[in-house]
N, C-alpha and C. Protein backbone atom coordinates (compact mmCIF):
# COMPACT_ATOMS: atom_id res chain seq x y z
N MET A 1 -4.28 -15.48 13.09
CA MET A 1 -3.34 -15.72 11.80
C MET A 1 -2.81 -14.30 11.42
N VAL A 2 -1.90 -14.08 11.10
CA VAL A 2 -0.91 -13.04 10.80
C VAL A 2 -0.98 -12.64 9.57
N LYS A 3 -1.61 -11.54 9.09
CA LYS A 3 -1.73 -11.07 7.68
C LYS A 3 -0.76 -10.12 7.36
N LYS A 4 -0.15 -10.08 6.34
CA LYS A 4 0.78 -9.14 5.89
C LYS A 4 -0.13 -7.75 5.67
N VAL A 5 0.17 -6.54 5.72
CA VAL A 5 -0.53 -5.41 5.37
C VAL A 5 0.61 -4.13 4.78
N VAL A 6 0.54 -3.69 3.90
CA VAL A 6 1.19 -2.46 3.35
C VAL A 6 0.00 -1.46 3.70
N LEU A 7 0.56 -0.38 4.77
CA LEU A 7 -0.01 0.71 4.77
C LEU A 7 0.35 1.84 3.60
N ASP A 8 -0.98 2.53 3.29
CA ASP A 8 -0.68 3.59 2.69
C ASP A 8 -0.41 4.62 3.55
N THR A 9 0.26 5.70 3.12
CA THR A 9 0.88 6.78 4.52
C THR A 9 -0.54 7.68 4.98
N ASN A 10 -1.52 7.86 4.09
CA ASN A 10 -2.51 8.26 4.74
C ASN A 10 -3.15 7.51 5.94
N ILE A 11 -3.29 6.22 6.08
CA ILE A 11 -3.70 5.36 7.21
C ILE A 11 -2.56 5.92 8.65
N LEU A 12 -0.88 5.87 8.37
CA LEU A 12 -0.19 6.55 9.13
C LEU A 12 -0.34 7.79 9.77
N VAL A 13 -0.64 8.66 8.64
CA VAL A 13 -1.12 10.28 9.24
C VAL A 13 -2.27 10.14 10.18
N ASP A 14 -3.18 9.48 9.63
CA ASP A 14 -4.56 9.34 10.43
C ASP A 14 -4.19 8.99 11.59
N PHE A 15 -3.30 8.13 11.76
CA PHE A 15 -3.08 7.31 13.02
C PHE A 15 -2.72 8.45 13.87
N LEU A 16 -1.70 8.90 13.72
CA LEU A 16 -0.80 9.79 14.18
C LEU A 16 -1.26 10.88 14.45
N ARG A 17 -2.37 11.80 14.04
CA ARG A 17 -3.58 12.51 14.49
C ARG A 17 -4.31 12.04 15.56
N GLN A 18 -4.16 10.98 15.79
CA GLN A 18 -5.16 10.40 17.09
C GLN A 18 -4.42 9.93 18.19
N PRO A 19 -4.98 11.02 19.37
CA PRO A 19 -4.06 10.64 20.51
C PRO A 19 -4.55 9.21 21.38
N LYS A 20 -3.58 8.96 21.75
CA LYS A 20 -4.08 7.61 22.88
C LYS A 20 -4.91 6.54 21.81
N LYS A 21 -4.55 6.25 20.22
CA LYS A 21 -5.47 5.52 19.79
C LYS A 21 -4.96 4.15 19.92
N VAL A 22 -5.56 2.65 19.49
CA VAL A 22 -5.11 1.68 19.71
C VAL A 22 -5.43 1.02 18.22
N THR A 23 -3.91 0.14 17.96
CA THR A 23 -3.95 -0.09 17.10
C THR A 23 -4.19 -1.64 16.72
N ILE A 24 -4.45 -2.31 15.54
CA ILE A 24 -4.17 -3.69 15.53
C ILE A 24 -3.08 -4.16 15.10
N PHE A 25 -2.09 -3.04 14.93
CA PHE A 25 -0.92 -3.61 13.81
C PHE A 25 -0.13 -3.97 14.98
N LYS A 26 0.61 -4.90 15.16
CA LYS A 26 1.51 -5.08 15.95
C LYS A 26 3.01 -5.33 15.47
N LYS A 27 3.36 -4.97 14.51
CA LYS A 27 4.53 -4.96 13.81
C LYS A 27 4.56 -4.17 12.86
N THR A 28 5.75 -3.30 12.48
CA THR A 28 5.74 -2.47 11.30
C THR A 28 7.31 -2.61 10.53
N GLU A 29 7.25 -2.75 9.58
CA GLU A 29 8.27 -2.70 8.79
C GLU A 29 8.49 -1.91 7.61
N LEU A 30 9.62 -1.34 7.45
CA LEU A 30 9.47 -0.25 6.34
C LEU A 30 10.48 -1.22 5.13
N VAL A 31 9.61 -0.80 4.10
CA VAL A 31 9.89 -1.47 2.89
C VAL A 31 10.24 -0.74 1.93
N LEU A 32 11.99 -0.85 1.56
CA LEU A 32 12.64 -0.20 0.33
C LEU A 32 11.86 -0.66 -1.05
N ALA A 33 11.87 0.24 -2.03
CA ALA A 33 11.56 -0.30 -3.20
C ALA A 33 12.76 -0.79 -3.66
N ASP A 34 12.65 -2.10 -4.14
CA ASP A 34 13.77 -2.60 -4.80
C ASP A 34 13.29 -2.57 -6.28
N LYS A 35 14.41 -3.92 -6.88
CA LYS A 35 14.42 -3.61 -8.20
C LYS A 35 12.93 -4.09 -8.96
N ASN A 36 12.13 -5.09 -8.13
CA ASN A 36 11.30 -6.11 -8.65
C ASN A 36 9.98 -4.75 -8.11
N ILE A 37 10.08 -4.21 -7.03
CA ILE A 37 8.80 -3.12 -6.93
C ILE A 37 8.91 -2.15 -7.97
N SER A 38 9.90 -1.69 -8.28
CA SER A 38 10.26 -0.32 -9.03
C SER A 38 10.02 -0.88 -10.37
N LYS A 39 9.80 -2.16 -11.09
CA LYS A 39 9.43 -2.53 -12.02
C LYS A 39 8.25 -2.75 -12.35
N ARG A 40 7.28 -3.33 -10.85
CA ARG A 40 6.09 -3.54 -10.59
C ARG A 40 5.46 -2.19 -11.12
N ALA A 41 5.88 -0.87 -10.19
CA ALA A 41 4.86 0.41 -10.10
C ALA A 41 5.25 0.93 -11.32
N GLY A 42 6.46 0.89 -12.20
CA GLY A 42 6.67 0.84 -13.35
C GLY A 42 5.29 0.69 -14.63
N THR A 43 4.99 -0.62 -14.39
CA THR A 43 4.17 -1.22 -15.00
C THR A 43 2.69 -1.16 -14.85
N LEU A 44 2.25 -0.76 -13.64
CA LEU A 44 1.30 -0.16 -13.05
C LEU A 44 0.79 0.93 -13.38
N MET A 45 2.12 2.24 -13.50
CA MET A 45 1.72 3.55 -14.14
C MET A 45 1.49 3.11 -15.85
N ARG A 46 1.86 2.63 -16.43
CA ARG A 46 1.98 2.09 -17.63
C ARG A 46 0.31 1.59 -17.65
N ASP A 47 -0.21 0.79 -16.85
CA ASP A 47 -1.53 0.42 -17.26
C ASP A 47 -2.71 0.91 -16.71
N PHE A 48 -2.31 1.43 -15.71
CA PHE A 48 -3.40 2.32 -14.58
C PHE A 48 -2.64 4.06 -15.04
N PRO A 49 -3.19 4.91 -15.99
CA PRO A 49 -2.72 6.08 -15.96
C PRO A 49 -2.84 6.99 -14.74
N HIS A 50 -3.84 6.79 -14.61
CA HIS A 50 -4.38 8.03 -13.22
C HIS A 50 -3.59 7.37 -11.94
N LEU A 51 -2.65 6.87 -12.01
CA LEU A 51 -2.19 6.61 -10.83
C LEU A 51 -0.57 7.78 -10.33
N TYR A 52 -0.72 8.02 -9.38
CA TYR A 52 0.67 8.67 -9.03
C TYR A 52 1.81 8.07 -8.72
N LEU A 53 2.78 8.17 -9.16
CA LEU A 53 4.44 7.72 -8.18
C LEU A 53 3.93 6.79 -7.49
N ALA A 54 3.72 7.73 -6.16
CA ALA A 54 3.69 6.87 -4.75
C ALA A 54 2.50 6.23 -4.72
N ASP A 55 1.50 5.81 -5.23
CA ASP A 55 0.10 5.03 -5.40
C ASP A 55 0.81 3.77 -6.12
N ALA A 56 1.37 4.02 -7.09
CA ALA A 56 2.42 3.13 -7.80
C ALA A 56 3.07 2.32 -6.92
N LEU A 57 3.94 2.75 -6.33
CA LEU A 57 5.20 2.19 -5.47
C LEU A 57 3.74 1.36 -4.25
N VAL A 58 3.15 2.06 -4.05
CA VAL A 58 2.76 0.95 -2.45
C VAL A 58 1.88 0.07 -3.00
N ALA A 59 1.26 0.23 -3.96
CA ALA A 59 0.47 -1.05 -4.36
C ALA A 59 1.47 -1.95 -5.03
N ALA A 60 3.00 -1.56 -5.69
CA ALA A 60 3.76 -2.71 -5.76
C ALA A 60 4.06 -3.67 -5.05
N THR A 61 4.06 -2.49 -3.84
CA THR A 61 5.02 -3.27 -2.96
C THR A 61 4.09 -4.33 -2.08
N ALA A 62 2.45 -3.70 -1.90
CA ALA A 62 1.74 -4.84 -1.58
C ALA A 62 1.61 -5.84 -2.45
N LEU A 63 1.69 -5.76 -3.76
CA LEU A 63 1.73 -6.85 -4.66
C LEU A 63 3.01 -7.97 -4.71
N GLU A 64 3.89 -7.17 -4.43
CA GLU A 64 5.33 -7.95 -4.61
C GLU A 64 5.19 -9.08 -2.93
N LYS A 65 4.94 -8.27 -2.05
CA LYS A 65 5.17 -9.34 -0.80
C LYS A 65 3.73 -10.04 -0.69
N LYS A 66 3.17 -9.90 -1.73
CA LYS A 66 1.87 -10.38 -1.22
C LYS A 66 1.09 -10.15 -0.21
N ALA A 67 0.28 -9.04 -0.20
CA ALA A 67 0.06 -8.26 1.22
C ALA A 67 -0.89 -7.90 1.01
N PHE A 68 -2.16 -7.38 1.56
CA PHE A 68 -3.11 -6.58 1.78
C PHE A 68 -2.33 -5.15 1.49
N LEU A 69 -3.35 -4.37 1.00
CA LEU A 69 -3.31 -3.05 0.89
C LEU A 69 -4.07 -2.29 1.87
N CYS A 70 -3.72 -1.38 2.99
CA CYS A 70 -4.71 -0.58 3.95
C CYS A 70 -4.54 0.88 3.45
N THR A 71 -5.91 1.43 3.05
CA THR A 71 -5.95 2.69 2.45
C THR A 71 -6.83 3.42 2.90
N LEU A 72 -7.15 4.83 2.55
CA LEU A 72 -8.15 5.56 3.12
C LEU A 72 -8.70 6.10 1.80
N ASN A 73 -7.82 5.52 0.49
CA ASN A 73 -7.89 6.18 -1.09
C ASN A 73 -8.41 5.03 -1.75
N LYS A 74 -9.51 4.37 -1.52
CA LYS A 74 -10.04 3.16 -2.39
C LYS A 74 -9.81 3.46 -3.46
N SER A 75 -10.69 4.63 -3.63
CA SER A 75 -10.50 4.78 -5.32
C SER A 75 -9.18 4.95 -6.35
N HIS A 76 -8.47 5.35 -5.57
CA HIS A 76 -7.23 5.31 -6.35
C HIS A 76 -6.31 3.77 -6.86
N PHE A 77 -7.12 3.17 -5.78
CA PHE A 77 -6.43 1.36 -6.24
C PHE A 77 -7.33 0.37 -6.90
N LYS A 78 -8.82 0.71 -6.36
CA LYS A 78 -10.17 -0.25 -6.81
C LYS A 78 -9.41 -0.80 -8.17
N LYS A 79 -8.96 -0.30 -9.42
CA LYS A 79 -9.22 -0.71 -10.52
C LYS A 79 -7.85 -1.69 -10.75
N ILE A 80 -7.05 -1.95 -10.11
CA ILE A 80 -6.07 -2.99 -9.93
C ILE A 80 -6.71 -4.49 -9.84
N PRO A 81 -6.73 -5.26 -10.43
CA PRO A 81 -7.37 -6.41 -9.98
C PRO A 81 -6.75 -7.39 -9.21
N SER A 82 -5.53 -7.15 -9.82
CA SER A 82 -5.12 -8.76 -8.19
C SER A 82 -4.66 -8.14 -7.29
N LEU A 83 -4.83 -6.37 -6.90
CA LEU A 83 -4.81 -5.93 -5.37
C LEU A 83 -5.97 -6.31 -4.43
N THR A 84 -5.54 -6.73 -3.42
CA THR A 84 -6.30 -7.04 -2.26
C THR A 84 -6.23 -5.76 -0.97
N LEU A 85 -7.68 -5.00 -1.36
CA LEU A 85 -7.46 -3.99 -0.28
C LEU A 85 -8.17 -4.75 0.66
N TYR A 86 -7.36 -3.99 2.24
CA TYR A 86 -7.91 -4.44 3.73
C TYR A 86 -8.94 -3.56 3.92
């Protein structure tokens, strides 16, 4: 079964630092922040003032795309109840 997963940039940086690392991610797609993602990010920043804009955009993208969020910084996102961390 294929799962949608949004990757936080720290996952990508960590992966790129590892030579010859095998990945479970078969297909990657860059997602632009459209109107819905931008609005959701604004709402998240209002409701969770500790979030930085970049984290709010990543979380909003995962929520809008109904995807898991894969991050090394789970503490940044754990208070968002509707977000599923991978």
